[in-house]
Protein backbone atom coordinates (compact mmCIF):
# COMPACT_ATOMS: atom_id res chain seq x y z
CA MET A 1 6.82 -19.61 -6.01
CA ARG A 2 7.04 -20.82 -2.41
CA TRP A 3 10.83 -20.64 -2.61
CA ILE A 4 10.60 -17.05 -3.87
CA HIS A 5 7.99 -16.08 -1.29
CA TYR A 6 9.40 -17.80 1.80
CA VAL A 7 13.14 -18.08 1.19
CA ILE A 8 14.36 -15.17 -0.90
CA ALA A 9 11.61 -12.61 -0.21
CA PRO A 10 12.65 -9.83 2.16
CA ASP A 11 11.45 -10.54 5.71
CA PRO A 12 8.75 -7.85 5.78
CA PHE A 13 6.95 -9.58 2.89
CA LYS A 14 7.12 -13.23 3.97
CA ASN A 15 4.03 -12.80 6.17
CA PHE A 16 2.21 -11.12 3.27
CA TYR A 17 2.74 -14.24 1.15
CA ARG A 18 1.64 -16.53 4.01
CA CYS A 19 -1.59 -14.57 4.37
CA HIS A 20 -2.18 -14.80 0.62
CA ASP A 21 -1.62 -18.57 0.65
CA GLU A 22 -3.99 -19.02 3.61
CA LEU A 23 -6.72 -16.92 2.01
CA ILE A 24 -6.49 -18.65 -1.36
CA ASP A 25 -6.58 -22.06 0.37
CA VAL A 26 -9.67 -21.24 2.42
CA LEU A 27 -11.43 -19.70 -0.60
CA GLY A 28 -10.70 -22.82 -2.61
CA ASN A 29 -11.90 -25.12 0.16
CA MET A 30 -15.11 -23.19 0.74
CA GLY A 31 -15.90 -23.06 -2.96
CA SER A 32 -15.67 -26.83 -3.31
CA SER A 33 -17.10 -27.99 0.03
CA GLN A 34 -20.60 -29.33 0.62
CA THR A 35 -20.50 -28.91 4.39
CA LEU A 36 -22.51 -26.55 6.55
CA ILE A 37 -20.78 -23.36 7.60
CA ALA A 38 -20.77 -23.28 11.36
CA GLY A 39 -18.52 -20.72 13.01
CA HIS A 40 -15.14 -21.87 11.79
CA PRO A 41 -14.84 -20.73 8.14
CA ARG A 42 -16.03 -17.19 8.87
CA ASP A 43 -13.87 -16.88 11.96
CA PHE A 44 -10.87 -18.31 10.13
CA VAL A 45 -11.36 -15.89 7.23
CA GLY A 46 -11.66 -13.01 9.70
CA GLU A 47 -8.39 -13.98 11.34
CA ILE A 48 -6.63 -14.17 7.98
CA ILE A 49 -7.99 -10.77 6.95
CA THR A 50 -6.81 -9.23 10.22
CA ARG A 51 -3.30 -10.62 9.72
CA TYR A 52 -3.34 -9.68 6.05
CA ASN A 53 -4.23 -6.09 6.97
CA THR A 54 -1.01 -5.72 8.96
CA ASN A 55 0.97 -6.82 5.89
CA LEU A 56 -0.46 -4.35 3.38
CA ARG A 57 1.51 -1.28 4.42
CA HIS A 58 3.40 -1.29 1.12
CA LEU A 59 0.21 -0.47 -0.79
CA SER A 60 -1.49 2.78 -1.72
CA SER A 61 -4.80 3.46 0.02
CA GLU A 62 -6.62 2.73 -3.26
CA ARG A 63 -5.20 -0.78 -3.44
CA GLN A 64 -5.84 -1.40 0.25
CA SER A 65 -9.45 -0.32 -0.32
CA LEU A 66 -9.72 -2.83 -3.15
CA PHE A 67 -8.75 -5.61 -0.75
CA PHE A 68 -11.16 -4.46 1.95
CA ASP A 69 -14.07 -3.96 -0.44
CA PHE A 70 -13.56 -7.56 -1.53
CA THR A 71 -13.18 -8.97 1.99
CA ASP A 72 -16.19 -7.00 3.25
CA ILE A 73 -18.38 -8.80 0.71
CA LEU A 74 -16.84 -12.14 1.62
CA GLU A 75 -17.37 -11.63 5.36
CA GLU A 76 -20.95 -10.46 4.83
CA LEU A 77 -21.70 -13.54 2.76
CA LEU A 78 -20.21 -15.81 5.42
CA LEU A 79 -22.10 -14.00 8.19
CA VAL A 80 -25.39 -14.56 6.35
CA ALA A 81 -24.49 -18.20 5.77
CA ARG A 82 -23.78 -18.75 9.44
CA VAL A 83 -26.85 -16.94 10.76
CA ARG A 84 -29.18 -18.57 8.21
CA SER A 85 -27.46 -21.99 8.42
CA LEU A 86 -26.83 -22.08 4.68
CA LYS A 87 -24.76 -24.86 3.16
CA LEU A 88 -21.65 -23.92 1.22
CA ALA A 89 -23.15 -25.52 -1.88
CA HIS A 90 -25.70 -22.69 -1.92
CA LEU A 91 -22.88 -20.14 -1.97
CA ARG A 92 -20.66 -21.87 -4.51
CA ILE A 93 -21.93 -19.65 -7.34
CA TYR A 94 -20.46 -16.68 -5.43
CA LEU A 95 -17.45 -18.26 -3.74
CA VAL A 96 -15.87 -19.69 -6.90
CA PRO A 97 -15.99 -16.36 -8.79
CA MET A 98 -14.73 -14.60 -5.65
CA LYS A 99 -11.74 -16.94 -5.47
CA ASN A 100 -11.01 -16.38 -9.15
CA LEU A 101 -11.39 -12.61 -8.81
CA TYR A 102 -9.04 -12.54 -5.84
CA GLU A 103 -6.46 -14.78 -7.47
CA GLN A 104 -6.50 -13.29 -10.98
CA LYS A 105 -7.19 -9.58 -10.43
CA ILE A 106 -6.90 -8.51 -6.78
CA TYR A 107 -3.80 -10.40 -5.66
CA PRO A 108 -1.61 -9.03 -8.50
CA CYS A 109 -2.57 -5.52 -7.28
CA LEU A 110 -1.46 -6.38 -3.74
CA THR A 111 1.92 -7.96 -4.37
CA PRO A 112 5.05 -6.13 -3.21
CA PHE A 113 6.67 -6.56 -6.63
CA GLU A 114 7.57 -2.86 -6.86
CA GLN A 115 9.43 -3.05 -3.54
CA THR A 116 11.26 -6.29 -4.31
CA VAL A 117 12.13 -6.23 -8.02
CA HIS A 118 15.80 -5.78 -8.86
CA GLY A 119 18.20 -6.44 -11.69
CA ASP A 120 19.26 -4.92 -14.96
CA ASN A 121 15.71 -4.83 -16.39
CA LYS A 122 14.13 -3.37 -13.24
CA GLU A 123 12.65 -0.25 -14.91
CA GLU A 124 11.21 -2.23 -17.82
CA GLU A 125 9.76 -4.84 -15.43
CA LEU A 126 8.19 -2.08 -13.31
CA LYS A 127 6.66 -0.46 -16.38
CA ILE A 128 5.10 -3.76 -17.50
CA PHE A 129 3.91 -4.56 -13.96
CA ARG A 130 2.31 -1.13 -13.48
CA GLY A 131 0.52 -1.38 -16.82
CA LYS A 132 -0.91 -4.79 -16.03
CA THR A 133 -1.96 -3.92 -12.49
CA GLU A 134 -3.80 -0.77 -13.63
CA GLY A 135 -5.91 -3.00 -15.87
CA TYR A 136 -6.40 -5.52 -13.06
CA LEU A 137 -7.38 -2.76 -10.64
CA SER A 138 -10.04 -1.36 -12.96
CA ALA A 139 -11.42 -4.84 -13.75
CA ALA A 140 -11.42 -5.84 -10.08
CA ILE A 141 -13.37 -2.75 -9.04
CA ASN A 142 -16.01 -3.50 -11.67
CA ASN A 143 -16.14 -7.21 -10.72
CA ILE A 144 -16.54 -6.35 -7.03
CA ARG A 145 -19.47 -4.07 -7.87
CA GLY A 146 -21.03 -6.82 -9.97
CA LEU A 147 -20.62 -9.46 -7.26
CA ASN A 148 -22.01 -7.10 -4.66
CA SER A 149 -25.08 -6.46 -6.84
CA MET A 150 -25.60 -10.19 -7.49
CA ILE A 151 -25.39 -10.99 -3.78
CA SER A 152 -27.77 -8.14 -2.94
CA GLU A 153 -30.28 -9.22 -5.59
CA ALA A 154 -30.14 -12.77 -4.23
CA GLY A 155 -31.07 -11.44 -0.77
CA LEU A 156 -27.77 -12.55 0.74
CA LYS A 157 -26.74 -9.26 2.34
CA PRO A 158 -26.95 -9.30 6.14
CA THR A 159 -29.76 -7.39 7.81
CA LEU A 160 -29.25 -5.34 10.97
CA ASP A 161 -31.00 -8.10 12.93
CA GLU A 162 -28.56 -10.67 11.52
CA TYR A 163 -25.62 -8.51 12.56
CA ASP A 164 -27.15 -8.36 16.06
CA ILE A 165 -27.60 -12.14 16.13
CA ASP A 166 -24.00 -12.67 15.00
CA ILE A 167 -22.66 -10.27 17.63
CA ALA A 168 -24.78 -11.88 20.36
CA ASN A 169 -23.56 -15.35 19.34
CA GLY A 170 -19.98 -14.12 19.40
CA ILE A 171 -20.41 -12.65 22.87
CA ASN A 172 -22.06 -15.83 24.15
CA ASN A 173 -19.05 -17.85 22.96
CA LEU A 174 -16.49 -15.71 24.80
CA SER A 175 -14.59 -17.21 27.70
CA GLU A 176 -14.81 -15.65 31.16
CA GLY A 177 -11.39 -14.04 30.67
CA GLU A 178 -12.42 -12.59 27.32
CA MET A 179 -15.61 -11.21 28.89
CA ILE A 180 -13.60 -9.51 31.65
CA ALA A 181 -11.26 -8.00 29.05
CA LEU A 182 -14.22 -6.83 26.94
CA ASN A 183 -15.91 -5.26 29.96
CA GLY A 184 -12.66 -3.48 30.77
CA ILE A 185 -12.50 -2.03 27.27
CA PHE A 186 -16.04 -0.67 27.41
CA LYS A 187 -16.00 0.47 31.02
CA THR A 188 -16.26 4.24 31.10
CA PRO A 189 -14.18 5.85 33.80
CA THR A 190 -16.10 8.42 35.83
CA ARG A 191 -14.89 11.42 37.77
CA PRO A 192 -16.55 12.59 40.95
CA PHE A 193 -18.34 15.89 40.69
CA LEU A 194 -16.64 18.77 42.52
């Protein structure tokens, strides 16, 4: 698969496959780790998601939404873990199914197969692919809803106060240069009154 993804895949899709590999690796590592989540796993996942987003232009908005509904739940779970200092072992019952859901149902809906398939059987392959991914899409939507409900019922959704704490911690960890850049972004230009 790596040969297909990194050697023969068209250039626009090589970064897509890298993002997939990074996300599946980090999901697998988090689901099996016993260590405390500090800042790194959540930040790393956020960086992957940001890069992944720029490589999803080949998808319909429905399939992009599937990815972001999934990653929103993942980032919320990791935010709660960081703010509450939860160990990954406490989240394993969510992280393992999330990895499986991503790998088995969501990822097949994201692949650029339709843009890259070629050959004599192209139309037949596309028909089979589209049939399978419609089933995956429907199942993934239902699984995301179920996971979201489980996480909510377990009290693992972030509160507004926890979002505030996370934002404050993020701001406190910015370098002086990053603070200057942030202030520049939020500085409102004013015009003198005439």
